[in-house]
C-alpha atoms as a PDB file:
ATOM      1  CA  UNK A   1     177.838  90.187  24.608  1.00  0.00           C
ATOM      2  CA  UNK A   2     175.161  87.475  24.935  1.00  0.00           C
ATOM      3  CA  UNK A   3     171.747  87.845  26.492  1.00  0.00           C
ATOM      4  CA  UNK A   4     170.752  85.067  28.919  1.00  0.00           C
ATOM      5  CA  UNK A   5     167.542  84.173  30.542  1.00  0.00           C
ATOM      6  CA  UNK A   6     168.321  85.906  33.850  1.00  0.00           C
ATOM      7  CA  UNK A   7     168.736  89.309  31.563  1.00  0.00           C
ATOM      8  CA  UNK A   8     165.490  88.933  30.767  1.00  0.00           C
ATOM      9  CA  UNK A   9     164.254  88.090  34.331  1.00  0.00           C
ATOM     10  CA  UNK A  10     166.049  91.402  35.532  1.00  0.00           C
ATOM     11  CA  UNK A  11     164.844  93.179  32.505  1.00  0.00           C
ATOM     12  CA  UNK A  12     161.068  92.141  33.622  1.00  0.00           C
ATOM     13  CA  UNK A  13     161.802  92.641  37.276  1.00  0.00           C
ATOM     14  CA  UNK A  14     163.157  96.388  36.515  1.00  0.00           C
ATOM     15  CA  UNK A  15     160.093  97.138  34.953  1.00  0.00           C
ATOM     16  CA  UNK A  16     157.581  95.989  37.176  1.00  0.00           C
ATOM     17  CA  UNK A  17     159.817  98.532  39.683  1.00  0.00           C
ATOM     18  CA  UNK A  18     159.490 101.130  37.780  1.00  0.00           C
ATOM     19  CA  UNK A  19     155.781 101.491  38.464  1.00  0.00           C
ATOM     20  CA  UNK A  20     156.634 102.662  41.826  1.00  0.00           C
ATOM     21  CA  UNK A  21     157.813 106.118  40.199  1.00  0.00           C
ATOM     22  CA  UNK A  22     155.939 108.828  42.244  1.00  0.00           C
ATOM     23  CA  UNK A  23     153.791 109.688  39.137  1.00  0.00           C
ATOM     24  CA  UNK A  24     152.842 106.238  38.324  1.00  0.00           C
ATOM     25  CA  UNK A  25     151.857 104.420  41.734  1.00  0.00           C
ATOM     26  CA  UNK A  26     149.103 106.605  43.155  1.00  0.00           C
ATOM     27  CA  UNK A  27     147.210 106.189  39.345  1.00  0.00           C
ATOM     28  CA  UNK A  28     147.598 102.218  39.519  1.00  0.00           C
ATOM     29  CA  UNK A  29     144.581 101.699  41.609  1.00  0.00           C
ATOM     30  CA  UNK A  30     142.326 103.833  39.668  1.00  0.00           C
ATOM     31  CA  UNK A  31     143.571 102.104  36.631  1.00  0.00           C
ATOM     32  CA  UNK A  32     142.916  98.600  37.516  1.00  0.00           C
ATOM     33  CA  UNK A  33     139.597  99.430  38.837  1.00  0.00           C
ATOM     34  CA  UNK A  34     138.668 100.694  35.537  1.00  0.00           C
ATOM     35  CA  UNK A  35     140.387  98.049  33.470  1.00  0.00           C
ATOM     36  CA  UNK A  36     138.261  95.455  35.769  1.00  0.00           C
ATOM     37  CA  UNK A  37     135.061  97.152  35.304  1.00  0.00           C
ATOM     38  CA  UNK A  38     135.871  96.990  31.641  1.00  0.00           C
ATOM     39  CA  UNK A  39     136.321  93.482  30.979  1.00  0.00           C
ATOM     40  CA  UNK A  40     137.349  90.585  33.503  1.00  0.00           C
ATOM     41  CA  UNK A  41     140.681  90.317  31.830  1.00  0.00           C
ATOM     42  CA  UNK A  42     140.892  94.028  31.472  1.00  0.00           C
ATOM     43  CA  UNK A  43     144.115  94.234  33.418  1.00  0.00           C
ATOM     44  CA  UNK A  44     146.025  91.824  31.712  1.00  0.00           C
ATOM     45  CA  UNK A  45     145.197  93.595  28.101  1.00  0.00           C
ATOM     46  CA  UNK A  46     146.153  96.859  29.600  1.00  0.00           C
ATOM     47  CA  UNK A  47     149.607  95.716  31.096  1.00  0.00           C
ATOM     48  CA  UNK A  48     150.595  94.062  27.932  1.00  0.00           C
ATOM     49  CA  UNK A  49     149.577  97.459  25.487  1.00  0.00           C
ATOM     50  CA  UNK A  50     152.109  99.040  28.859  1.00  0.00           C
ATOM     51  CA  UNK A  51     154.839  96.596  28.086  1.00  0.00           C
ATOM     52  CA  UNK A  52     154.593  97.164  24.327  1.00  0.00           C
ATOM     53  CA  UNK A  53     154.548 100.555  24.224  1.00  0.00           C
ATOM     54  CA  UNK A  54     157.243 100.808  26.973  1.00  0.00           C
ATOM     55  CA  UNK A  55     159.400  98.282  25.179  1.00  0.00           C
ATOM     56  CA  UNK A  56     158.980 100.389  21.630  1.00  0.00           C
ATOM     57  CA  UNK A  57     159.448 103.443  23.077  1.00  0.00           C
ATOM     58  CA  UNK A  58     162.652 102.035  24.867  1.00  0.00           C
ATOM     59  CA  UNK A  59     164.358 100.383  22.140  1.00  0.00           C
ATOM     60  CA  UNK A  60     163.275 103.403  19.075  1.00  0.00           C
ATOM     61  CA  UNK A  61     164.648 106.238  21.297  1.00  0.00           C
ATOM     62  CA  UNK A  62     167.589 104.289  22.385  1.00  0.00           C
ATOM     63  CA  UNK A  63     168.522 102.613  19.045  1.00  0.00           C
ATOM     64  CA  UNK A  64     168.212 106.384  17.280  1.00  0.00           C
ATOM     65  CA  UNK A  65     170.086 107.898  19.618  1.00  0.00           C
ATOM     66  CA  UNK A  66     173.027 105.035  19.187  1.00  0.00           C
ATOM     67  CA  UNK A  67     172.781 105.053  15.633  1.00  0.00           C
ATOM     68  CA  UNK A  68     172.918 108.972  15.015  1.00  0.00           C
ATOM     69  CA  UNK A  69     175.792 109.286  18.198  1.00  0.00           C
ATOM     70  CA  UNK A  70     173.410 112.073  20.353  1.00  0.00           C
ATOM     71  CA  UNK A  71     175.526 113.486  23.194  1.00  0.00           C
ATOM     72  CA  UNK A  72     173.323 112.647  26.617  1.00  0.00           C
ATOM     73  CA  UNK A  73     175.087 115.662  27.825  1.00  0.00           C
ATOM     74  CA  UNK A  74     173.546 118.184  25.318  1.00  0.00           C
ATOM     75  CA  UNK A  75     170.337 116.464  25.306  1.00  0.00           C
ATOM     76  CA  UNK A  76     170.008 117.121  29.224  1.00  0.00           C
ATOM     77  CA  UNK A  77     170.790 120.777  28.771  1.00  0.00           C
ATOM     78  CA  UNK A  78     168.449 120.664  25.924  1.00  0.00           C
ATOM     79  CA  UNK A  79     165.652 119.529  28.805  1.00  0.00           C
ATOM     80  CA  UNK A  80     166.909 121.790  31.117  1.00  0.00           C
ATOM     81  CA  UNK A  81     166.541 124.800  29.043  1.00  0.00           C
ATOM     82  CA  UNK A  82     162.556 123.528  28.210  1.00  0.00           C
ATOM     83  CA  UNK A  83     162.272 123.323  31.856  1.00  0.00           C
ATOM     84  CA  UNK A  84     163.345 126.806  32.300  1.00  0.00           C
ATOM     85  CA  UNK A  85     161.237 127.939  29.558  1.00  0.00           C
ATOM     86  CA  UNK A  86     157.952 126.351  30.661  1.00  0.00           C
ATOM     87  CA  UNK A  87     158.599 127.283  34.373  1.00  0.00           C
ATOM     88  CA  UNK A  88     158.980 130.940  33.136  1.00  0.00           C
ATOM     89  CA  UNK A  89     155.439 130.426  31.513  1.00  0.00           C
ATOM     90  CA  UNK A  90     153.912 129.528  34.056  1.00  0.00           C
ATOM     91  CA  UNK A  91     155.184 132.445  36.147  1.00  0.00           C
ATOM     92  CA  UNK A  92     153.157 134.681  33.932  1.00  0.00           C
ATOM     93  CA  UNK A  93     149.372 134.946  33.401  1.00  0.00           C
ATOM     94  CA  UNK A  94     149.885 136.527  29.601  1.00  0.00           C
ATOM     95  CA  UNK A  95     152.412 134.189  28.759  1.00  0.00           C
ATOM     96  CA  UNK A  96     150.441 131.294  29.888  1.00  0.00           C
ATOM     97  CA  UNK A  97     147.880 132.693  27.897  1.00  0.00           C
ATOM     98  CA  UNK A  98     149.958 133.005  24.769  1.00  0.00           C
ATOM     99  CA  UNK A  99     151.140 129.429  24.955  1.00  0.00           C
ATOM    100  CA  UNK A 100     147.711 128.069  25.425  1.00  0.00           C
ATOM    101  CA  UNK A 101     146.209 129.731  22.481  1.00  0.00           C
ATOM    102  CA  UNK A 102     148.856 128.163  20.390  1.00  0.00           C
ATOM    103  CA  UNK A 103     148.994 125.088  21.376  1.00  0.00           C
ATOM    104  CA  UNK A 104     144.851 125.121  21.338  1.00  0.00           C
ATOM    105  CA  UNK A 105     145.081 123.394  18.030  1.00  0.00           C
ATOM    106  CA  UNK A 106     147.241 120.389  18.871  1.00  0.00           C
ATOM    107  CA  UNK A 107     145.263 119.804  22.214  1.00  0.00           C
ATOM    108  CA  UNK A 108     141.921 119.898  20.079  1.00  0.00           C
ATOM    109  CA  UNK A 109     143.457 117.499  17.982  1.00  0.00           C
ATOM    110  CA  UNK A 110     144.482 115.213  20.830  1.00  0.00           C
ATOM    111  CA  UNK A 111     141.216 115.498  22.505  1.00  0.00           C
ATOM    112  CA  UNK A 112     139.109 114.312  18.974  1.00  0.00           C
ATOM    113  CA  UNK A 113     141.708 111.649  18.674  1.00  0.00           C
ATOM    114  CA  UNK A 114     141.010 110.500  22.126  1.00  0.00           C
ATOM    115  CA  UNK A 115     137.197 111.114  21.916  1.00  0.00           C
ATOM    116  CA  UNK A 116     137.319 108.668  18.871  1.00  0.00           C
ATOM    117  CA  UNK A 117     139.017 105.687  20.727  1.00  0.00           C
ATOM    118  CA  UNK A 118     136.639 103.133  22.125  1.00  0.00           C
ATOM    119  CA  UNK A 119     138.075 102.645  25.527  1.00  0.00           C
ATOM    120  CA  UNK A 120     135.762  99.611  26.622  1.00  0.00           C
ATOM    121  CA  UNK A 121     136.607  95.907  26.340  1.00  0.00           C
ATOM    122  CA  UNK A 122     139.938  94.047  26.249  1.00  0.00           C
ATOM    123  CA  UNK A 123     140.847  96.027  22.524  1.00  0.00           C
ATOM    124  CA  UNK A 124     140.166  99.487  24.269  1.00  0.00           C
ATOM    125  CA  UNK A 125     142.059  98.587  27.594  1.00  0.00           C
ATOM    126  CA  UNK A 126     145.160  97.226  25.439  1.00  0.00           C
ATOM    127  CA  UNK A 127     144.834 100.738  23.357  1.00  0.00           C
ATOM    128  CA  UNK A 128     144.889 102.721  26.595  1.00  0.00           C
ATOM    129  CA  UNK A 129     147.940 100.692  27.980  1.00  0.00           C
ATOM    130  CA  UNK A 130     149.520 101.741  24.306  1.00  0.00           C
ATOM    131  CA  UNK A 131     148.682 105.606  24.890  1.00  0.00           C
ATOM    132  CA  UNK A 132     149.785 105.232  28.852  1.00  0.00           C
ATOM    133  CA  UNK A 133     153.049 103.621  27.949  1.00  0.00           C
ATOM    134  CA  UNK A 134     153.911 106.550  25.853  1.00  0.00           C
ATOM    135  CA  UNK A 135     152.835 109.062  28.337  1.00  0.00           C
ATOM    136  CA  UNK A 136     154.641 107.282  31.498  1.00  0.00           C
ATOM    137  CA  UNK A 137     157.827 106.745  29.451  1.00  0.00           C
ATOM    138  CA  UNK A 138     159.474 109.948  31.307  1.00  0.00           C
ATOM    139  CA  UNK A 139     158.277 109.361  34.370  1.00  0.00           C
ATOM    140  CA  UNK A 140     160.715 105.689  34.794  1.00  0.00           C
ATOM    141  CA  UNK A 141     163.561 107.809  34.233  1.00  0.00           C
ATOM    142  CA  UNK A 142     166.828 106.526  34.945  1.00  0.00           C
ATOM    143  CA  UNK A 143     166.359 102.702  36.050  1.00  0.00           C
ATOM    144  CA  UNK A 144     164.359 102.100  32.924  1.00  0.00           C
ATOM    145  CA  UNK A 145     166.411 103.946  30.498  1.00  0.00           C
ATOM    146  CA  UNK A 146     169.761 102.475  31.243  1.00  0.00           C
ATOM    147  CA  UNK A 147     168.883  98.637  30.730  1.00  0.00           C
ATOM    148  CA  UNK A 148     166.839 100.050  27.502  1.00  0.00           C
ATOM    149  CA  UNK A 149     170.187 101.735  26.164  1.00  0.00           C
ATOM    150  CA  UNK A 150     172.032  98.649  27.274  1.00  0.00           C
ATOM    151  CA  UNK A 151     169.660  96.254  25.509  1.00  0.00           C
ATOM    152  CA  UNK A 152     169.785  98.928  22.410  1.00  0.00           C
ATOM    153  CA  UNK A 153     173.665  98.306  21.925  1.00  0.00           C
ATOM    154  CA  UNK A 154     173.802  94.114  22.527  1.00  0.00           C
ATOM    155  CA  UNK A 155     174.698  92.637  19.178  1.00  0.00           C
ATOM    156  CA  UNK A 156     174.191  88.739  19.794  1.00  0.00           C
ATOM    157  CA  UNK A 157     170.532  88.244  20.970  1.00  0.00           C
ATOM    158  CA  UNK A 158     170.128  84.552  22.422  1.00  0.00           C
ATOM    159  CA  UNK A 159     172.344  81.986  23.854  1.00  0.00           C
END
């Protein structure tokens, strides 16, 4: 299957439309304002980091899934089990406290790591875009997942 210029244009359009996701759209004005305050070209650095991160996450996950032969139905069922378990945890104050205690080491490590990252200027906005791309990847869901899986299966690039 050949990939032409129109495919790249459609992929760019699909990626741009993915920002209309309900968990992403309300944050965009805050991010753009912060990026502009950091540097006049900050929004471009932020967008570059997001694009690179989205691309890497999508291609890696899709490729690994295709190579390993992961069953989408099985993954969907596992995700449903995780959602149910976390929902049950949220129903109990005791389970919430236990979960918070069990995961405090991981959250502390993440906080220390984030505190060590300098987010001012162009490099900081690029790093912020990389981090947000990983966090926002699940938010774009089906509109983004299908083109990514298709791209990972394409055998012939170019033409």
